[in-house]
């Protein structure tokens, strides 16, 4: 079964491509330094460009980020869904995830395949679009085939949707980093 092979690939430190509720993404085990470096190399992305993580739930997300009351209310209202919440990072995150950055973007996906992948893996994984950094998002496997991820969970062509909305929430301060289809009032 492809799903089990994808989980095994993550456990082996490999890069897995999969559909999300917004576009195809690339996932690696956040605790594998080699896998994270390989992901950056694959995307031709500078190491100072932050990546976000996918968690199975708000409870798991709270292990890796500091959620203020405002951040908690957004997570409770919009998760699972296409909202990435940037919060202050906790020491539980490996130092090689966004080194030198005091925050971490966290999302709980509403895409069934993505949720099963994170749950099957049993811990957080990276979430970043399956493309060379700076190029358009991919909505089918042939649009990112040149990246050559180690494993592809092929969901066929998915509908083109804007990337997730990204908000930074530190204390009571909310800043929209990227506006997706999800509008935060």
N, C-alpha and C. Protein backbone atom coordinates (compact mmCIF):
# COMPACT_ATOMS: atom_id res chain seq x y z
N UNK A 1 0.84 -1.18 0.00
CA UNK A 1 0.00 0.00 0.00
C UNK A 1 0.89 1.24 0.00
N UNK A 2 0.55 2.21 -0.87
CA UNK A 2 1.38 3.40 -1.03
C UNK A 2 1.53 4.21 0.24
N UNK A 3 0.45 4.33 1.01
CA UNK A 3 0.50 5.11 2.23
C UNK A 3 1.55 4.57 3.20
N UNK A 4 1.57 3.27 3.40
CA UNK A 4 2.55 2.65 4.30
C UNK A 4 3.96 2.83 3.78
N UNK A 5 4.13 2.80 2.47
CA UNK A 5 5.45 3.02 1.87
C UNK A 5 5.90 4.47 2.08
N UNK A 6 4.96 5.40 2.02
CA UNK A 6 5.29 6.81 2.25
C UNK A 6 5.74 7.02 3.70
N UNK A 7 5.04 6.42 4.64
CA UNK A 7 5.41 6.53 6.05
C UNK A 7 6.80 5.92 6.26
N UNK A 8 7.04 4.76 5.66
CA UNK A 8 8.36 4.12 5.78
C UNK A 8 9.45 5.00 5.18
N UNK A 9 9.16 5.64 4.05
CA UNK A 9 10.14 6.53 3.42
C UNK A 9 10.49 7.69 4.37
N UNK A 10 9.49 8.26 5.03
CA UNK A 10 9.76 9.33 6.00
C UNK A 10 10.65 8.81 7.13
N UNK A 11 10.37 7.62 7.60
CA UNK A 11 11.16 7.04 8.70
C UNK A 11 12.60 6.77 8.27
N UNK A 12 12.80 6.57 6.97
CA UNK A 12 14.15 6.33 6.44
C UNK A 12 14.86 7.63 6.07
N UNK A 13 14.26 8.77 6.38
CA UNK A 13 14.90 10.05 6.10
C UNK A 13 14.75 10.52 4.67
N UNK A 14 13.73 10.02 3.99
CA UNK A 14 13.52 10.37 2.59
C UNK A 14 12.51 11.50 2.44
N UNK A 15 12.50 12.10 1.24
CA UNK A 15 11.58 13.18 0.91
C UNK A 15 10.34 12.58 0.26
N UNK A 16 9.17 12.92 0.82
CA UNK A 16 7.91 12.39 0.31
C UNK A 16 7.06 13.56 -0.23
N UNK A 17 6.59 13.40 -1.46
CA UNK A 17 5.67 14.38 -2.05
C UNK A 17 4.25 13.88 -1.85
N UNK A 18 3.35 14.82 -1.52
CA UNK A 18 1.96 14.45 -1.25
C UNK A 18 1.07 15.65 -1.49
N UNK A 19 -0.20 15.39 -1.76
CA UNK A 19 -1.16 16.47 -1.93
C UNK A 19 -1.57 17.01 -0.57
N UNK A 20 -1.86 18.30 -0.53
CA UNK A 20 -2.44 18.92 0.67
C UNK A 20 -3.75 19.55 0.24
N UNK A 21 -4.38 20.30 1.14
CA UNK A 21 -5.62 20.97 0.76
C UNK A 21 -5.38 22.18 -0.13
N UNK A 22 -4.11 22.55 -0.33
CA UNK A 22 -3.81 23.71 -1.17
C UNK A 22 -3.03 23.35 -2.43
N UNK A 23 -1.99 22.55 -2.32
CA UNK A 23 -1.16 22.16 -3.47
C UNK A 23 -0.37 20.92 -3.07
N UNK A 24 0.49 20.44 -3.98
CA UNK A 24 1.38 19.34 -3.60
C UNK A 24 2.49 19.90 -2.72
N UNK A 25 2.88 19.11 -1.72
CA UNK A 25 3.92 19.54 -0.80
C UNK A 25 5.00 18.48 -0.66
N UNK A 26 6.07 18.86 0.01
CA UNK A 26 7.19 17.96 0.29
C UNK A 26 7.33 17.81 1.80
N UNK A 27 7.48 16.59 2.24
CA UNK A 27 7.58 16.30 3.66
C UNK A 27 8.84 15.52 3.97
N UNK A 28 9.42 15.85 5.12
CA UNK A 28 10.52 15.05 5.68
C UNK A 28 10.33 15.03 7.20
N UNK A 29 11.01 14.12 7.83
CA UNK A 29 11.05 14.01 9.28
C UNK A 29 11.83 15.22 9.82
N UNK A 30 11.22 16.05 10.66
CA UNK A 30 11.91 17.24 11.15
C UNK A 30 13.09 16.89 12.06
N UNK A 31 13.14 15.65 12.57
CA UNK A 31 14.22 15.25 13.46
C UNK A 31 15.40 14.62 12.71
N UNK A 32 15.32 14.54 11.38
CA UNK A 32 16.42 14.04 10.57
C UNK A 32 17.12 15.21 9.90
N UNK A 33 18.28 15.58 10.43
CA UNK A 33 19.03 16.71 9.87
C UNK A 33 19.35 16.48 8.40
N UNK A 34 19.79 15.28 8.05
CA UNK A 34 20.12 14.98 6.65
C UNK A 34 18.91 15.14 5.74
N UNK A 35 17.74 14.69 6.20
CA UNK A 35 16.53 14.81 5.38
C UNK A 35 16.16 16.28 5.18
N UNK A 36 16.29 17.08 6.23
CA UNK A 36 15.97 18.51 6.10
C UNK A 36 16.93 19.17 5.12
N UNK A 37 18.22 18.87 5.21
CA UNK A 37 19.19 19.44 4.27
C UNK A 37 18.89 19.00 2.84
N UNK A 38 18.50 17.76 2.67
CA UNK A 38 18.16 17.25 1.34
C UNK A 38 16.94 17.97 0.77
N UNK A 39 15.96 18.26 1.61
CA UNK A 39 14.77 18.99 1.20
C UNK A 39 15.16 20.38 0.69
N UNK A 40 15.97 21.09 1.43
CA UNK A 40 16.42 22.42 1.00
C UNK A 40 17.18 22.35 -0.32
N UNK A 41 18.05 21.35 -0.44
CA UNK A 41 18.81 21.19 -1.67
C UNK A 41 17.88 20.89 -2.85
N UNK A 42 16.90 20.01 -2.64
CA UNK A 42 15.94 19.64 -3.69
C UNK A 42 15.17 20.86 -4.19
N UNK A 43 14.77 21.73 -3.27
CA UNK A 43 14.00 22.92 -3.64
C UNK A 43 14.89 24.07 -4.12
N UNK A 44 16.22 23.88 -4.03
CA UNK A 44 17.17 24.95 -4.35
C UNK A 44 16.84 26.20 -3.50
N UNK A 45 16.63 25.95 -2.22
CA UNK A 45 16.19 26.98 -1.30
C UNK A 45 17.32 27.29 -0.31
N UNK A 46 17.55 28.57 -0.05
CA UNK A 46 18.55 28.98 0.93
C UNK A 46 18.16 28.46 2.31
N UNK A 47 19.18 28.08 3.08
CA UNK A 47 18.94 27.53 4.41
C UNK A 47 18.32 28.54 5.39
N UNK A 48 18.37 29.83 5.04
CA UNK A 48 17.77 30.82 5.94
C UNK A 48 16.28 31.06 5.65
N UNK A 49 15.71 30.33 4.68
CA UNK A 49 14.29 30.42 4.37
C UNK A 49 13.55 29.42 5.26
N UNK A 50 12.67 29.90 6.16
CA UNK A 50 12.00 28.98 7.09
C UNK A 50 11.02 28.03 6.40
N UNK A 51 10.88 26.85 6.98
CA UNK A 51 9.82 25.93 6.59
C UNK A 51 8.88 25.77 7.78
N UNK A 52 7.66 25.38 7.49
CA UNK A 52 6.67 25.14 8.54
C UNK A 52 6.60 23.65 8.82
N UNK A 53 5.88 23.31 9.88
CA UNK A 53 5.69 21.90 10.20
C UNK A 53 4.20 21.58 10.25
N UNK A 54 3.90 20.32 9.95
CA UNK A 54 2.54 19.79 10.07
C UNK A 54 2.47 18.94 11.33
N UNK A 55 1.44 19.15 12.11
CA UNK A 55 1.20 18.34 13.31
C UNK A 55 -0.15 17.65 13.17
N UNK A 56 -0.37 16.67 14.02
CA UNK A 56 -1.64 15.92 13.98
C UNK A 56 -2.76 16.66 14.69
N UNK A 57 -2.40 17.53 15.63
CA UNK A 57 -3.43 18.18 16.46
C UNK A 57 -2.85 19.42 17.12
N UNK A 58 -3.72 20.20 17.72
CA UNK A 58 -3.29 21.35 18.49
C UNK A 58 -2.45 20.90 19.69
N UNK A 59 -2.84 19.81 20.32
CA UNK A 59 -2.05 19.31 21.46
C UNK A 59 -0.62 19.02 21.05
N UNK A 60 -0.43 18.37 19.90
CA UNK A 60 0.92 18.11 19.44
C UNK A 60 1.63 19.41 19.08
N UNK A 61 0.93 20.33 18.44
CA UNK A 61 1.52 21.61 18.03
C UNK A 61 2.05 22.37 19.25
N UNK A 62 1.35 22.27 20.38
CA UNK A 62 1.78 22.99 21.59
C UNK A 62 3.09 22.46 22.15
N UNK A 63 3.54 21.30 21.72
CA UNK A 63 4.86 20.78 22.14
C UNK A 63 5.99 21.56 21.47
N UNK A 64 5.70 22.16 20.31
CA UNK A 64 6.74 22.79 19.50
C UNK A 64 6.63 24.31 19.42
N UNK A 65 5.48 24.87 19.82
CA UNK A 65 5.28 26.31 19.75
C UNK A 65 4.51 26.83 20.95
N UNK A 66 4.75 28.10 21.27
CA UNK A 66 4.07 28.78 22.38
C UNK A 66 2.79 29.42 21.85
N UNK A 67 1.65 28.92 22.25
CA UNK A 67 0.36 29.41 21.77
C UNK A 67 -0.26 30.35 22.79
N UNK A 68 -0.35 31.64 22.44
CA UNK A 68 -1.06 32.60 23.28
C UNK A 68 -2.56 32.32 23.17
N UNK A 69 -3.35 33.03 23.96
CA UNK A 69 -4.81 32.87 23.89
C UNK A 69 -5.31 33.16 22.47
N UNK A 70 -4.78 34.20 21.84
CA UNK A 70 -5.20 34.56 20.47
C UNK A 70 -4.83 33.44 19.49
N UNK A 71 -3.62 32.91 19.61
CA UNK A 71 -3.20 31.81 18.73
C UNK A 71 -4.06 30.57 18.96
N UNK A 72 -4.35 30.28 20.23
CA UNK A 72 -5.21 29.13 20.54
C UNK A 72 -6.59 29.29 19.93
N UNK A 73 -7.16 30.48 20.01
CA UNK A 73 -8.51 30.68 19.47
C UNK A 73 -8.51 30.52 17.96
N UNK A 74 -7.47 30.98 17.27
CA UNK A 74 -7.39 30.78 15.82
C UNK A 74 -7.25 29.30 15.47
N UNK A 75 -6.40 28.60 16.19
CA UNK A 75 -6.22 27.17 15.94
C UNK A 75 -7.52 26.41 16.18
N UNK A 76 -8.20 26.72 17.26
CA UNK A 76 -9.44 26.03 17.57
C UNK A 76 -10.52 26.32 16.54
N UNK A 77 -10.50 27.51 15.96
CA UNK A 77 -11.52 27.89 14.98
C UNK A 77 -11.21 27.36 13.57
N UNK A 78 -9.94 27.38 13.16
CA UNK A 78 -9.61 27.11 11.75
C UNK A 78 -8.86 25.80 11.50
N UNK A 79 -8.43 25.10 12.53
CA UNK A 79 -7.76 23.82 12.33
C UNK A 79 -8.73 22.68 12.52
N UNK A 80 -8.62 21.62 11.77
CA UNK A 80 -7.72 21.48 10.63
C UNK A 80 -8.17 22.36 9.46
N UNK A 81 -7.17 22.87 8.74
CA UNK A 81 -7.47 23.73 7.60
C UNK A 81 -6.24 24.45 7.09
N UNK A 82 -6.43 25.29 6.06
CA UNK A 82 -5.31 25.95 5.39
C UNK A 82 -4.82 27.21 6.10
N UNK A 83 -4.57 27.09 7.41
CA UNK A 83 -4.04 28.19 8.19
C UNK A 83 -2.75 27.76 8.86
N UNK A 84 -1.66 28.46 8.55
CA UNK A 84 -0.39 28.26 9.22
C UNK A 84 -0.27 29.35 10.28
N UNK A 85 -0.05 28.94 11.51
CA UNK A 85 0.08 29.89 12.61
C UNK A 85 1.55 29.91 13.03
N UNK A 86 2.16 31.09 12.93
CA UNK A 86 3.56 31.28 13.32
C UNK A 86 3.57 31.75 14.77
N UNK A 87 4.24 30.97 15.62
CA UNK A 87 4.31 31.26 17.05
C UNK A 87 5.77 31.14 17.49
N UNK A 88 6.04 31.58 18.70
CA UNK A 88 7.39 31.42 19.26
C UNK A 88 7.70 29.93 19.37
N UNK A 89 8.90 29.57 18.99
CA UNK A 89 9.29 28.15 19.00
C UNK A 89 9.69 27.71 20.40
N UNK A 90 9.55 26.39 20.62
CA UNK A 90 9.98 25.78 21.88
C UNK A 90 11.26 24.98 21.64
N UNK A 91 11.94 24.66 22.72
CA UNK A 91 13.21 23.93 22.65
C UNK A 91 13.04 22.51 22.11
N UNK A 92 11.82 21.99 22.06
CA UNK A 92 11.60 20.63 21.53
C UNK A 92 11.90 20.53 20.04
N UNK A 93 11.93 21.67 19.34
CA UNK A 93 12.26 21.65 17.91
C UNK A 93 13.76 21.45 17.74
N UNK A 94 14.16 20.65 16.75
CA UNK A 94 15.61 20.51 16.50
C UNK A 94 16.20 21.85 16.05
N UNK A 95 17.44 22.08 16.43
CA UNK A 95 18.09 23.37 16.12
C UNK A 95 18.23 23.61 14.62
N UNK A 96 18.21 22.55 13.81
CA UNK A 96 18.38 22.73 12.37
C UNK A 96 17.09 23.11 11.63
N UNK A 97 15.97 23.13 12.34
CA UNK A 97 14.74 23.63 11.73
C UNK A 97 14.73 25.14 11.92
N UNK A 98 14.88 25.87 10.83
CA UNK A 98 14.88 27.34 10.84
C UNK A 98 15.88 27.90 11.85
N UNK A 99 17.18 27.54 11.71
CA UNK A 99 18.16 28.01 12.69
C UNK A 99 18.21 29.54 12.76
N UNK A 100 18.33 30.03 13.98
CA UNK A 100 18.41 31.47 14.17
C UNK A 100 17.07 32.19 14.13
N UNK A 101 15.99 31.44 13.89
CA UNK A 101 14.65 32.03 13.84
C UNK A 101 13.93 31.67 15.14
N UNK A 102 13.34 32.67 15.78
CA UNK A 102 12.73 32.45 17.10
C UNK A 102 11.29 31.94 17.01
N UNK A 103 10.78 31.78 15.78
CA UNK A 103 9.39 31.34 15.60
C UNK A 103 9.34 30.08 14.74
N UNK A 104 8.14 29.47 14.72
CA UNK A 104 7.90 28.30 13.87
C UNK A 104 6.47 28.38 13.35
N UNK A 105 6.30 28.11 12.06
CA UNK A 105 4.98 28.01 11.46
C UNK A 105 4.46 26.60 11.65
N UNK A 106 3.22 26.50 12.12
CA UNK A 106 2.62 25.19 12.39
C UNK A 106 1.24 25.14 11.76
N UNK A 107 0.91 23.97 11.19
CA UNK A 107 -0.41 23.78 10.60
C UNK A 107 -0.91 22.38 10.91
N UNK A 108 -2.22 22.24 11.00
CA UNK A 108 -2.89 20.94 11.07
C UNK A 108 -3.75 20.89 9.81
N UNK A 109 -3.43 19.99 8.91
CA UNK A 109 -4.06 19.94 7.59
C UNK A 109 -5.46 19.34 7.65
N UNK A 110 -6.30 19.84 6.75
CA UNK A 110 -7.64 19.26 6.60
C UNK A 110 -7.68 18.21 5.49
N UNK A 111 -6.56 18.03 4.79
CA UNK A 111 -6.49 17.02 3.73
C UNK A 111 -6.35 15.64 4.37
N UNK A 112 -7.26 14.74 4.00
CA UNK A 112 -7.29 13.41 4.63
C UNK A 112 -5.97 12.65 4.46
N UNK A 113 -5.41 12.69 3.26
CA UNK A 113 -4.15 11.97 2.99
C UNK A 113 -3.02 12.56 3.84
N UNK A 114 -2.96 13.87 3.89
CA UNK A 114 -1.92 14.53 4.68
C UNK A 114 -2.07 14.19 6.16
N UNK A 115 -3.28 14.24 6.66
CA UNK A 115 -3.52 13.91 8.07
C UNK A 115 -3.11 12.47 8.37
N UNK A 116 -3.48 11.55 7.47
CA UNK A 116 -3.10 10.14 7.66
C UNK A 116 -1.59 9.96 7.62
N UNK A 117 -0.92 10.72 6.76
CA UNK A 117 0.54 10.63 6.66
C UNK A 117 1.19 11.08 7.96
N UNK A 118 0.76 12.21 8.49
CA UNK A 118 1.33 12.72 9.75
C UNK A 118 1.01 11.76 10.90
N UNK A 119 -0.24 11.30 10.96
CA UNK A 119 -0.62 10.37 12.03
C UNK A 119 0.12 9.04 11.91
N UNK A 120 0.23 8.53 10.68
CA UNK A 120 0.93 7.28 10.45
C UNK A 120 2.41 7.37 10.80
N UNK A 121 3.00 8.53 10.52
CA UNK A 121 4.40 8.75 10.84
C UNK A 121 4.60 8.88 12.35
N UNK A 122 3.63 9.47 13.01
CA UNK A 122 3.69 9.56 14.46
C UNK A 122 4.39 10.78 15.01
N UNK A 123 4.58 11.77 14.19
CA UNK A 123 5.23 13.00 14.66
C UNK A 123 5.18 14.05 13.59
N UNK A 124 5.65 15.25 13.90
CA UNK A 124 5.58 16.34 12.93
C UNK A 124 6.51 16.12 11.73
N UNK A 125 6.06 16.64 10.60
CA UNK A 125 6.85 16.61 9.37
C UNK A 125 6.88 18.02 8.80
N UNK A 126 7.82 18.26 7.89
CA UNK A 126 7.86 19.56 7.24
C UNK A 126 6.68 19.72 6.31
N UNK A 127 6.35 20.95 6.03
CA UNK A 127 5.38 21.25 4.98
C UNK A 127 5.92 22.43 4.19
N UNK A 128 6.15 22.19 2.94
CA UNK A 128 6.61 23.21 2.01
C UNK A 128 6.16 22.79 0.63
N UNK A 129 5.92 23.73 -0.24
CA UNK A 129 5.38 23.40 -1.56
C UNK A 129 6.37 22.58 -2.38
N UNK A 130 5.83 21.70 -3.22
CA UNK A 130 6.63 20.82 -4.08
C UNK A 130 6.99 21.58 -5.35
N UNK A 131 7.98 22.44 -5.22
CA UNK A 131 8.47 23.22 -6.36
C UNK A 131 9.86 23.71 -6.05
N UNK A 132 10.55 24.18 -7.08
CA UNK A 132 11.80 24.88 -6.85
C UNK A 132 11.42 26.22 -6.24
N UNK A 133 12.14 26.62 -5.20
CA UNK A 133 11.81 27.84 -4.48
C UNK A 133 11.62 29.02 -5.43
N UNK A 134 10.49 29.70 -5.26
CA UNK A 134 10.19 30.87 -6.07
C UNK A 134 9.35 30.59 -7.30
N UNK A 135 9.20 29.31 -7.67
CA UNK A 135 8.37 28.95 -8.82
C UNK A 135 6.95 28.65 -8.35
N UNK A 136 5.99 28.61 -9.28
CA UNK A 136 4.58 28.38 -8.89
C UNK A 136 4.37 27.02 -8.20
N UNK A 137 3.31 26.97 -7.40
CA UNK A 137 2.93 25.73 -6.72
C UNK A 137 2.54 24.67 -7.75
N UNK A 138 2.67 23.41 -7.36
CA UNK A 138 2.33 22.29 -8.24
C UNK A 138 0.99 21.69 -7.84
N UNK A 139 0.19 21.37 -8.86
CA UNK A 139 -1.13 20.77 -8.63
C UNK A 139 -1.24 19.38 -9.26
N UNK A 140 -0.14 18.91 -9.86
CA UNK A 140 -0.07 17.54 -10.37
C UNK A 140 1.39 17.09 -10.31
N UNK A 141 1.59 15.78 -10.32
CA UNK A 141 2.92 15.21 -10.18
C UNK A 141 3.85 15.67 -11.29
N UNK A 142 3.35 15.77 -12.52
CA UNK A 142 4.24 16.16 -13.62
C UNK A 142 4.78 17.58 -13.46
N UNK A 143 4.13 18.40 -12.64
CA UNK A 143 4.59 19.78 -12.44
C UNK A 143 5.80 19.88 -11.50
N UNK A 144 6.10 18.80 -10.76
CA UNK A 144 7.27 18.83 -9.88
C UNK A 144 8.19 17.63 -10.09
N UNK A 145 7.98 16.87 -11.14
CA UNK A 145 8.73 15.64 -11.38
C UNK A 145 10.24 15.87 -11.41
N UNK A 146 10.68 17.05 -11.90
CA UNK A 146 12.12 17.31 -12.00
C UNK A 146 12.80 17.38 -10.63
N UNK A 147 12.03 17.54 -9.56
CA UNK A 147 12.61 17.56 -8.22
C UNK A 147 13.08 16.18 -7.79
N UNK A 148 12.46 15.14 -8.32
CA UNK A 148 12.79 13.75 -8.02
C UNK A 148 12.71 13.42 -6.52
N UNK A 149 11.53 13.65 -5.90
CA UNK A 149 11.40 13.22 -4.50
C UNK A 149 11.54 11.72 -4.41
N UNK A 150 11.88 11.22 -3.24
CA UNK A 150 12.11 9.78 -3.07
C UNK A 150 10.84 8.97 -3.19
N UNK A 151 9.72 9.57 -2.78
CA UNK A 151 8.45 8.86 -2.84
C UNK A 151 7.34 9.86 -3.14
N UNK A 152 6.40 9.45 -3.98
CA UNK A 152 5.28 10.32 -4.34
C UNK A 152 3.97 9.62 -4.03
N UNK A 153 3.15 10.26 -3.20
CA UNK A 153 1.78 9.82 -2.99
C UNK A 153 0.95 10.57 -4.03
N UNK A 154 0.67 9.91 -5.13
CA UNK A 154 0.01 10.56 -6.28
C UNK A 154 -1.50 10.62 -6.06
N UNK A 155 -2.02 11.83 -5.97
CA UNK A 155 -3.47 12.04 -5.84
C UNK A 155 -4.06 12.57 -7.13
N UNK A 156 -3.32 12.43 -8.22
CA UNK A 156 -3.80 12.96 -9.50
C UNK A 156 -3.73 14.48 -9.49
N UNK A 157 -4.42 15.09 -10.42
CA UNK A 157 -4.45 16.55 -10.48
C UNK A 157 -5.42 17.05 -9.41
N UNK A 158 -4.95 17.99 -8.59
CA UNK A 158 -5.81 18.58 -7.57
C UNK A 158 -6.20 19.98 -8.01
N UNK A 159 -7.33 20.50 -7.53
CA UNK A 159 -7.77 21.82 -7.96
C UNK A 159 -6.79 22.91 -7.51
N UNK A 160 -6.48 23.85 -8.40
CA UNK A 160 -5.58 24.94 -8.01
C UNK A 160 -6.24 25.84 -6.95
N UNK A 161 -5.60 25.93 -5.82
CA UNK A 161 -6.09 26.73 -4.70
C UNK A 161 -4.91 27.55 -4.19
N UNK A 162 -5.20 28.72 -3.66
CA UNK A 162 -4.15 29.55 -3.08
C UNK A 162 -3.46 28.81 -1.94
N UNK A 163 -2.18 29.13 -1.69
CA UNK A 163 -1.50 28.52 -0.56
C UNK A 163 -2.18 28.89 0.76
N UNK A 164 -1.76 28.24 1.84
CA UNK A 164 -2.36 28.52 3.14
C UNK A 164 -2.15 29.98 3.54
N UNK A 165 -3.11 30.47 4.30
CA UNK A 165 -2.94 31.78 4.93
C UNK A 165 -1.94 31.59 6.06
N UNK A 166 -1.00 32.53 6.18
CA UNK A 166 0.00 32.47 7.25
C UNK A 166 -0.17 33.70 8.13
N UNK A 167 -0.36 33.45 9.42
CA UNK A 167 -0.45 34.55 10.39
C UNK A 167 0.59 34.33 11.48
N UNK A 168 1.22 35.42 11.89
CA UNK A 168 2.13 35.36 13.02
C UNK A 168 1.37 35.88 14.23
N UNK A 169 1.37 35.10 15.29
CA UNK A 169 0.66 35.49 16.51
C UNK A 169 1.63 35.36 17.69
N UNK A 170 2.08 36.50 18.15
CA UNK A 170 2.94 36.56 19.33
C UNK A 170 2.16 37.35 20.37
N UNK A 171 1.78 36.68 21.46
CA UNK A 171 0.93 37.33 22.45
C UNK A 171 -0.41 37.69 21.82
N UNK A 172 -0.82 38.95 21.95
CA UNK A 172 -2.08 39.41 21.36
C UNK A 172 -1.87 40.04 19.99
N UNK A 173 -0.63 40.09 19.54
CA UNK A 173 -0.32 40.72 18.25
C UNK A 173 -0.50 39.73 17.10
N UNK A 174 -1.29 40.11 16.11
CA UNK A 174 -1.53 39.27 14.93
C UNK A 174 -1.06 40.02 13.69
N UNK A 175 -0.24 39.33 12.89
CA UNK A 175 0.28 39.92 11.65
C UNK A 175 0.06 38.91 10.53
N UNK A 176 -0.60 39.32 9.44
CA UNK A 176 -0.80 38.43 8.30
C UNK A 176 0.47 38.45 7.46
N UNK A 177 1.09 37.28 7.33
CA UNK A 177 2.31 37.13 6.55
C UNK A 177 1.98 36.86 5.08
N UNK A 178 1.00 35.97 4.87
CA UNK A 178 0.55 35.64 3.51
C UNK A 178 -0.95 35.41 3.55
N UNK A 179 -1.65 36.06 2.63
CA UNK A 179 -3.11 35.92 2.56
C UNK A 179 -3.46 34.83 1.56
N UNK A 180 -4.05 33.75 2.02
CA UNK A 180 -4.56 32.71 1.15
C UNK A 180 -6.06 32.88 1.00
N UNK A 181 -6.75 31.80 0.59
CA UNK A 181 -8.21 31.87 0.46
C UNK A 181 -8.90 32.04 1.80
N UNK A 182 -8.30 31.52 2.86
CA UNK A 182 -8.88 31.66 4.19
C UNK A 182 -8.64 33.08 4.69
N UNK A 183 -9.72 33.80 4.93
CA UNK A 183 -9.64 35.19 5.41
C UNK A 183 -9.79 35.21 6.92
N UNK A 184 -8.85 35.81 7.60
CA UNK A 184 -8.91 35.97 9.04
C UNK A 184 -9.50 37.33 9.33
N UNK A 185 -10.66 37.35 10.02
CA UNK A 185 -11.44 38.55 10.28
C UNK A 185 -10.67 39.57 11.02
